[in-house]
ModelCIF file with pLDDT and N, C-alpha, C, O atoms, coordinates in Angstrom:
data_MODEL
#
_entry.id   MODEL 
#
_entity.id                         1 
_entity.type                       polymer 
_entity.pdbx_number_of_molecules   1 
#
_entity_poly.entity_id                      1 
_entity_poly.type                           'polypeptide(L)' 
_entity_poly.nstd_linkage                   no 
_entity_poly.nstd_monomer                   no 
_entity_poly.pdbx_seq_one_letter_code       
;(UNK)(UNK)(UNK)(UNK)(UNK)(UNK)(UNK)(UNK)(UNK)(UNK)(UNK)(UNK)(UNK)(UNK)(UNK)(UNK)
(UNK)(UNK)(UNK)(UNK)(UNK)(UNK)(UNK)(UNK)(UNK)(UNK)(UNK)(UNK)(UNK)(UNK)(UNK)(UNK)
;
_entity_poly.pdbx_seq_one_letter_code_can   XXXXXXXXXXXXXXXXXXXXXXXXXXXXXXXX 
_entity_poly.pdbx_strand_id                 A 
#
loop_
_entity_poly_seq.entity_id 
_entity_poly_seq.num 
_entity_poly_seq.mon_id 
_entity_poly_seq.hetero 
1 1  UNK n 
1 2  UNK n 
1 3  UNK n 
1 4  UNK n 
1 5  UNK n 
1 6  UNK n 
1 7  UNK n 
1 8  UNK n 
1 9  UNK n 
1 10 UNK n 
1 11 UNK n 
1 12 UNK n 
1 13 UNK n 
1 14 UNK n 
1 15 UNK n 
1 16 UNK n 
1 17 UNK n 
1 18 UNK n 
1 19 UNK n 
1 20 UNK n 
1 21 UNK n 
1 22 UNK n 
1 23 UNK n 
1 24 UNK n 
1 25 UNK n 
1 26 UNK n 
1 27 UNK n 
1 28 UNK n 
1 29 UNK n 
1 30 UNK n 
1 31 UNK n 
1 32 UNK n 
#
_struct_asym.id          A 
_struct_asym.entity_id   1 
#
loop_
_ma_qa_metric.id 
_ma_qa_metric.mode 
_ma_qa_metric.name 
_ma_qa_metric.software_group_id 
_ma_qa_metric.type 
1 global pLDDT . pLDDT 
2 local  pLDDT . pLDDT 
#
_ma_qa_metric_global.metric_id      1 
_ma_qa_metric_global.metric_value   91.34 
_ma_qa_metric_global.model_id       1 
_ma_qa_metric_global.ordinal_id     1 
#
loop_
_ma_qa_metric_local.label_asym_id 
_ma_qa_metric_local.label_comp_id 
_ma_qa_metric_local.label_seq_id 
_ma_qa_metric_local.metric_id 
_ma_qa_metric_local.metric_value 
_ma_qa_metric_local.model_id 
_ma_qa_metric_local.ordinal_id 
A UNK 1  2 91.00 1 1  
A UNK 2  2 90.00 1 2  
A UNK 3  2 90.00 1 3  
A UNK 4  2 88.00 1 4  
A UNK 5  2 88.00 1 5  
A UNK 6  2 88.00 1 6  
A UNK 7  2 89.00 1 7  
A UNK 8  2 90.00 1 8  
A UNK 9  2 91.00 1 9  
A UNK 10 2 93.00 1 10 
A UNK 11 2 90.00 1 11 
A UNK 12 2 90.00 1 12 
A UNK 13 2 91.00 1 13 
A UNK 14 2 90.00 1 14 
A UNK 15 2 90.00 1 15 
A UNK 16 2 89.00 1 16 
A UNK 17 2 89.00 1 17 
A UNK 18 2 90.00 1 18 
A UNK 19 2 89.00 1 19 
A UNK 20 2 90.00 1 20 
A UNK 21 2 92.00 1 21 
A UNK 22 2 93.00 1 22 
A UNK 23 2 92.00 1 23 
A UNK 24 2 92.00 1 24 
A UNK 25 2 93.00 1 25 
A UNK 26 2 94.00 1 26 
A UNK 27 2 94.00 1 27 
A UNK 28 2 95.00 1 28 
A UNK 29 2 96.00 1 29 
A UNK 30 2 96.00 1 30 
A UNK 31 2 95.00 1 31 
A UNK 32 2 95.00 1 32 
#
loop_
_atom_site.group_PDB 
_atom_site.id 
_atom_site.type_symbol 
_atom_site.label_atom_id 
_atom_site.label_alt_id 
_atom_site.label_comp_id 
_atom_site.label_asym_id 
_atom_site.label_entity_id 
_atom_site.label_seq_id 
_atom_site.pdbx_PDB_ins_code 
_atom_site.Cartn_x 
_atom_site.Cartn_y 
_atom_site.Cartn_z 
_atom_site.occupancy 
_atom_site.B_iso_or_equiv 
_atom_site.pdbx_formal_charge 
_atom_site.auth_seq_id 
_atom_site.auth_comp_id 
_atom_site.auth_asym_id 
_atom_site.auth_atom_id 
_atom_site.pdbx_PDB_model_num 
ATOM 1   N N  . UNK A 1 1  ? 4.160   4.134   -1.888 1.00 91.00 ? 1  UNK A N  1 
ATOM 2   C CA . UNK A 1 1  ? 5.405   3.371   -1.746 1.00 91.00 ? 1  UNK A CA 1 
ATOM 3   C C  . UNK A 1 1  ? 6.527   4.012   -2.547 1.00 91.00 ? 1  UNK A C  1 
ATOM 4   O O  . UNK A 1 1  ? 6.286   4.638   -3.580 1.00 91.00 ? 1  UNK A O  1 
ATOM 5   N N  . UNK A 1 2  ? 7.751   3.853   -2.065 1.00 90.00 ? 2  UNK A N  1 
ATOM 6   C CA . UNK A 1 2  ? 8.896   4.480   -2.724 1.00 90.00 ? 2  UNK A CA 1 
ATOM 7   C C  . UNK A 1 2  ? 9.259   3.794   -4.028 1.00 90.00 ? 2  UNK A C  1 
ATOM 8   O O  . UNK A 1 2  ? 9.889   4.407   -4.890 1.00 90.00 ? 2  UNK A O  1 
ATOM 9   N N  . UNK A 1 3  ? 8.874   2.530   -4.190 1.00 90.00 ? 3  UNK A N  1 
ATOM 10  C CA . UNK A 1 3  ? 9.136   1.790   -5.414 1.00 90.00 ? 3  UNK A CA 1 
ATOM 11  C C  . UNK A 1 3  ? 7.919   0.932   -5.734 1.00 90.00 ? 3  UNK A C  1 
ATOM 12  O O  . UNK A 1 3  ? 7.229   0.484   -4.819 1.00 90.00 ? 3  UNK A O  1 
ATOM 13  N N  . UNK A 1 4  ? 7.641   0.694   -7.015 1.00 88.00 ? 4  UNK A N  1 
ATOM 14  C CA . UNK A 1 4  ? 6.477   -0.141  -7.355 1.00 88.00 ? 4  UNK A CA 1 
ATOM 15  C C  . UNK A 1 4  ? 6.686   -1.585  -6.923 1.00 88.00 ? 4  UNK A C  1 
ATOM 16  O O  . UNK A 1 4  ? 7.793   -2.114  -7.025 1.00 88.00 ? 4  UNK A O  1 
ATOM 17  N N  . UNK A 1 5  ? 5.624   -2.221  -6.441 1.00 88.00 ? 5  UNK A N  1 
ATOM 18  C CA . UNK A 1 5  ? 5.691   -3.613  -6.029 1.00 88.00 ? 5  UNK A CA 1 
ATOM 19  C C  . UNK A 1 5  ? 5.428   -4.548  -7.188 1.00 88.00 ? 5  UNK A C  1 
ATOM 20  O O  . UNK A 1 5  ? 5.050   -4.118  -8.278 1.00 88.00 ? 5  UNK A O  1 
ATOM 21  N N  . UNK A 1 6  ? 5.634   -5.844  -6.942 1.00 88.00 ? 6  UNK A N  1 
ATOM 22  C CA . UNK A 1 6  ? 5.403   -6.877  -7.949 1.00 88.00 ? 6  UNK A CA 1 
ATOM 23  C C  . UNK A 1 6  ? 4.138   -7.635  -7.606 1.00 88.00 ? 6  UNK A C  1 
ATOM 24  O O  . UNK A 1 6  ? 3.862   -7.859  -6.427 1.00 88.00 ? 6  UNK A O  1 
ATOM 25  N N  . UNK A 1 7  ? 3.357   -8.040  -8.606 1.00 89.00 ? 7  UNK A N  1 
ATOM 26  C CA . UNK A 1 7  ? 2.110   -8.768  -8.326 1.00 89.00 ? 7  UNK A CA 1 
ATOM 27  C C  . UNK A 1 7  ? 2.380   -10.198 -7.875 1.00 89.00 ? 7  UNK A C  1 
ATOM 28  O O  . UNK A 1 7  ? 3.472   -10.731 -8.076 1.00 89.00 ? 7  UNK A O  1 
ATOM 29  N N  . UNK A 1 8  ? 1.394   -10.795 -7.279 1.00 90.00 ? 8  UNK A N  1 
ATOM 30  C CA . UNK A 1 8  ? 1.491   -12.177 -6.853 1.00 90.00 ? 8  UNK A CA 1 
ATOM 31  C C  . UNK A 1 8  ? 1.502   -13.098 -8.063 1.00 90.00 ? 8  UNK A C  1 
ATOM 32  O O  . UNK A 1 8  ? 0.851   -12.819 -9.070 1.00 90.00 ? 8  UNK A O  1 
ATOM 33  N N  . UNK A 1 9  ? 2.244   -14.198 -7.963 1.00 91.00 ? 9  UNK A N  1 
ATOM 34  C CA . UNK A 1 9  ? 2.212   -15.223 -8.991 1.00 91.00 ? 9  UNK A CA 1 
ATOM 35  C C  . UNK A 1 9  ? 2.456   -16.567 -8.314 1.00 91.00 ? 9  UNK A C  1 
ATOM 36  O O  . UNK A 1 9  ? 2.862   -16.588 -7.152 1.00 91.00 ? 9  UNK A O  1 
ATOM 37  N N  . UNK A 1 10 ? 2.226   -17.688 -8.992 1.00 93.00 ? 10 UNK A N  1 
ATOM 38  C CA . UNK A 1 10 ? 2.421   -18.999 -8.350 1.00 93.00 ? 10 UNK A CA 1 
ATOM 39  C C  . UNK A 1 10 ? 3.819   -19.141 -7.769 1.00 93.00 ? 10 UNK A C  1 
ATOM 40  O O  . UNK A 1 10 ? 4.817   -18.964 -8.467 1.00 93.00 ? 10 UNK A O  1 
ATOM 41  N N  . UNK A 1 11 ? 3.875   -19.460 -6.494 1.00 90.00 ? 11 UNK A N  1 
ATOM 42  C CA . UNK A 1 11 ? 5.162   -19.628 -5.814 1.00 90.00 ? 11 UNK A CA 1 
ATOM 43  C C  . UNK A 1 11 ? 5.751   -18.368 -5.246 1.00 90.00 ? 11 UNK A C  1 
ATOM 44  O O  . UNK A 1 11 ? 6.812   -18.419 -4.624 1.00 90.00 ? 11 UNK A O  1 
ATOM 45  N N  . UNK A 1 12 ? 5.093   -17.215 -5.437 1.00 90.00 ? 12 UNK A N  1 
ATOM 46  C CA . UNK A 1 12 ? 5.643   -15.967 -4.909 1.00 90.00 ? 12 UNK A CA 1 
ATOM 47  C C  . UNK A 1 12 ? 4.520   -15.051 -4.466 1.00 90.00 ? 12 UNK A C  1 
ATOM 48  O O  . UNK A 1 12 ? 3.550   -14.845 -5.196 1.00 90.00 ? 12 UNK A O  1 
ATOM 49  N N  . UNK A 1 13 ? 4.654   -14.500 -3.266 1.00 91.00 ? 13 UNK A N  1 
ATOM 50  C CA . UNK A 1 13 ? 3.664   -13.559 -2.760 1.00 91.00 ? 13 UNK A CA 1 
ATOM 51  C C  . UNK A 1 13 ? 3.863   -12.196 -3.407 1.00 91.00 ? 13 UNK A C  1 
ATOM 52  O O  . UNK A 1 13 ? 4.940   -11.898 -3.922 1.00 91.00 ? 13 UNK A O  1 
ATOM 53  N N  . UNK A 1 14 ? 2.832   -11.379 -3.379 1.00 90.00 ? 14 UNK A N  1 
ATOM 54  C CA . UNK A 1 14 ? 2.968   -10.009 -3.847 1.00 90.00 ? 14 UNK A CA 1 
ATOM 55  C C  . UNK A 1 14 ? 3.962   -9.252  -2.989 1.00 90.00 ? 14 UNK A C  1 
ATOM 56  O O  . UNK A 1 14 ? 4.164   -9.592  -1.823 1.00 90.00 ? 14 UNK A O  1 
ATOM 57  N N  . UNK A 1 15 ? 4.583   -8.231  -3.553 1.00 90.00 ? 15 UNK A N  1 
ATOM 58  C CA . UNK A 1 15 ? 5.621   -7.493  -2.828 1.00 90.00 ? 15 UNK A CA 1 
ATOM 59  C C  . UNK A 1 15 ? 5.274   -6.011  -2.758 1.00 90.00 ? 15 UNK A C  1 
ATOM 60  O O  . UNK A 1 15 ? 4.572   -5.479  -3.618 1.00 90.00 ? 15 UNK A O  1 
ATOM 61  N N  . UNK A 1 16 ? 5.775   -5.368  -1.729 1.00 89.00 ? 16 UNK A N  1 
ATOM 62  C CA . UNK A 1 16 ? 5.669   -3.925  -1.598 1.00 89.00 ? 16 UNK A CA 1 
ATOM 63  C C  . UNK A 1 16 ? 6.791   -3.456  -0.669 1.00 89.00 ? 16 UNK A C  1 
ATOM 64  O O  . UNK A 1 16 ? 7.196   -4.185  0.236  1.00 89.00 ? 16 UNK A O  1 
ATOM 65  N N  . UNK A 1 17 ? 7.283   -2.251  -0.892 1.00 89.00 ? 17 UNK A N  1 
ATOM 66  C CA . UNK A 1 17 ? 8.397   -1.758  -0.093 1.00 89.00 ? 17 UNK A CA 1 
ATOM 67  C C  . UNK A 1 17 ? 7.937   -1.473  1.341  1.00 89.00 ? 17 UNK A C  1 
ATOM 68  O O  . UNK A 1 17 ? 6.772   -1.170  1.601  1.00 89.00 ? 17 UNK A O  1 
ATOM 69  N N  . UNK A 1 18 ? 8.899   -1.583  2.251  1.00 90.00 ? 18 UNK A N  1 
ATOM 70  C CA . UNK A 1 18 ? 8.565   -1.338  3.659  1.00 90.00 ? 18 UNK A CA 1 
ATOM 71  C C  . UNK A 1 18 ? 8.493   0.159   3.973  1.00 90.00 ? 18 UNK A C  1 
ATOM 72  O O  . UNK A 1 18 ? 7.870   0.557   4.957  1.00 90.00 ? 18 UNK A O  1 
ATOM 73  N N  . UNK A 1 19 ? 9.128   0.987   3.140  1.00 89.00 ? 19 UNK A N  1 
ATOM 74  C CA . UNK A 1 19 ? 9.094   2.422   3.394  1.00 89.00 ? 19 UNK A CA 1 
ATOM 75  C C  . UNK A 1 19 ? 8.084   3.084   2.463  1.00 89.00 ? 19 UNK A C  1 
ATOM 76  O O  . UNK A 1 19 ? 7.644   2.483   1.483  1.00 89.00 ? 19 UNK A O  1 
ATOM 77  N N  . UNK A 1 20 ? 7.725   4.312   2.771  1.00 90.00 ? 20 UNK A N  1 
ATOM 78  C CA . UNK A 1 20 ? 6.635   4.962   2.053  1.00 90.00 ? 20 UNK A CA 1 
ATOM 79  C C  . UNK A 1 20 ? 6.806   6.472   2.090  1.00 90.00 ? 20 UNK A C  1 
ATOM 80  O O  . UNK A 1 20 ? 7.633   7.015   2.822  1.00 90.00 ? 20 UNK A O  1 
ATOM 81  N N  . UNK A 1 21 ? 5.992   7.126   1.273  1.00 92.00 ? 21 UNK A N  1 
ATOM 82  C CA . UNK A 1 21 ? 5.927   8.593   1.251  1.00 92.00 ? 21 UNK A CA 1 
ATOM 83  C C  . UNK A 1 21 ? 4.552   9.012   1.757  1.00 92.00 ? 21 UNK A C  1 
ATOM 84  O O  . UNK A 1 21 ? 3.540   8.420   1.383  1.00 92.00 ? 21 UNK A O  1 
ATOM 85  N N  . UNK A 1 22 ? 4.519   10.035  2.607  1.00 93.00 ? 22 UNK A N  1 
ATOM 86  C CA . UNK A 1 22 ? 3.254   10.534  3.139  1.00 93.00 ? 22 UNK A CA 1 
ATOM 87  C C  . UNK A 1 22 ? 2.761   11.695  2.287  1.00 93.00 ? 22 UNK A C  1 
ATOM 88  O O  . UNK A 1 22 ? 3.527   12.586  1.922  1.00 93.00 ? 22 UNK A O  1 
ATOM 89  N N  . UNK A 1 23 ? 1.476   11.669  1.980  1.00 92.00 ? 23 UNK A N  1 
ATOM 90  C CA . UNK A 1 23 ? 0.875   12.746  1.200  1.00 92.00 ? 23 UNK A CA 1 
ATOM 91  C C  . UNK A 1 23 ? -0.271  13.411  1.957  1.00 92.00 ? 23 UNK A C  1 
ATOM 92  O O  . UNK A 1 23 ? -1.186  13.962  1.344  1.00 92.00 ? 23 UNK A O  1 
ATOM 93  N N  . UNK A 1 24 ? -0.221  13.362  3.292  1.00 92.00 ? 24 UNK A N  1 
ATOM 94  C CA . UNK A 1 24 ? -1.257  14.013  4.081  1.00 92.00 ? 24 UNK A CA 1 
ATOM 95  C C  . UNK A 1 24 ? -2.210  13.011  4.713  1.00 92.00 ? 24 UNK A C  1 
ATOM 96  O O  . UNK A 1 24 ? -2.094  11.804  4.501  1.00 92.00 ? 24 UNK A O  1 
ATOM 97  N N  . UNK A 1 25 ? -3.139  13.519  5.477  1.00 93.00 ? 25 UNK A N  1 
ATOM 98  C CA . UNK A 1 25 ? -4.114  12.680  6.180  1.00 93.00 ? 25 UNK A CA 1 
ATOM 99  C C  . UNK A 1 25 ? -5.516  13.232  5.968  1.00 93.00 ? 25 UNK A C  1 
ATOM 100 O O  . UNK A 1 25 ? -5.707  14.401  5.636  1.00 93.00 ? 25 UNK A O  1 
ATOM 101 N N  . UNK A 1 26 ? -6.485  12.355  6.171  1.00 94.00 ? 26 UNK A N  1 
ATOM 102 C CA . UNK A 1 26 ? -7.887  12.750  6.112  1.00 94.00 ? 26 UNK A CA 1 
ATOM 103 C C  . UNK A 1 26 ? -8.634  12.083  7.245  1.00 94.00 ? 26 UNK A C  1 
ATOM 104 O O  . UNK A 1 26 ? -8.145  11.120  7.835  1.00 94.00 ? 26 UNK A O  1 
ATOM 105 N N  . UNK A 1 27 ? -9.810  12.587  7.551  1.00 94.00 ? 27 UNK A N  1 
ATOM 106 C CA . UNK A 1 27 ? -10.670 12.014  8.583  1.00 94.00 ? 27 UNK A CA 1 
ATOM 107 C C  . UNK A 1 27 ? -11.995 11.639  7.938  1.00 94.00 ? 27 UNK A C  1 
ATOM 108 O O  . UNK A 1 27 ? -12.625 12.453  7.263  1.00 94.00 ? 27 UNK A O  1 
ATOM 109 N N  . UNK A 1 28 ? -12.405 10.404  8.155  1.00 95.00 ? 28 UNK A N  1 
ATOM 110 C CA . UNK A 1 28 ? -13.678 9.940   7.618  1.00 95.00 ? 28 UNK A CA 1 
ATOM 111 C C  . UNK A 1 28 ? -14.729 9.980   8.715  1.00 95.00 ? 28 UNK A C  1 
ATOM 112 O O  . UNK A 1 28 ? -14.616 9.269   9.713  1.00 95.00 ? 28 UNK A O  1 
ATOM 113 N N  . UNK A 1 29 ? -15.744 10.803  8.536  1.00 96.00 ? 29 UNK A N  1 
ATOM 114 C CA . UNK A 1 29 ? -16.919 10.785  9.396  1.00 96.00 ? 29 UNK A CA 1 
ATOM 115 C C  . UNK A 1 29 ? -17.926 9.830   8.766  1.00 96.00 ? 29 UNK A C  1 
ATOM 116 O O  . UNK A 1 29 ? -18.212 9.919   7.572  1.00 96.00 ? 29 UNK A O  1 
ATOM 117 N N  . UNK A 1 30 ? -18.455 8.924   9.566  1.00 96.00 ? 30 UNK A N  1 
ATOM 118 C CA . UNK A 1 30 ? -19.359 7.911   9.016  1.00 96.00 ? 30 UNK A CA 1 
ATOM 119 C C  . UNK A 1 30 ? -20.518 7.686   9.964  1.00 96.00 ? 30 UNK A C  1 
ATOM 120 O O  . UNK A 1 30 ? -20.376 7.756   11.184 1.00 96.00 ? 30 UNK A O  1 
ATOM 121 N N  . UNK A 1 31 ? -21.681 7.412   9.365  1.00 95.00 ? 31 UNK A N  1 
ATOM 122 C CA . UNK A 1 31 ? -22.888 7.066   10.116 1.00 95.00 ? 31 UNK A CA 1 
ATOM 123 C C  . UNK A 1 31 ? -23.451 5.798   9.493  1.00 95.00 ? 31 UNK A C  1 
ATOM 124 O O  . UNK A 1 31 ? -23.890 5.806   8.343  1.00 95.00 ? 31 UNK A O  1 
ATOM 125 N N  . UNK A 1 32 ? -23.438 4.707   10.255 1.00 95.00 ? 32 UNK A N  1 
ATOM 126 C CA . UNK A 1 32 ? -23.944 3.418   9.788  1.00 95.00 ? 32 UNK A CA 1 
ATOM 127 C C  . UNK A 1 32 ? -25.406 3.269   10.183 1.00 95.00 ? 32 UNK A C  1 
ATOM 128 O O  . UNK A 1 32 ? -26.025 2.248   9.883  1.00 95.00 ? 32 UNK A O  1 
#
């Protein structure tokens, strides 16, 4: 996120910015 969010507290939901920075992608191979 471009700015740090605020934690949840009574009467207010947690916050996070709508925009973001990309640092690449990965692929998860999984066998269940």
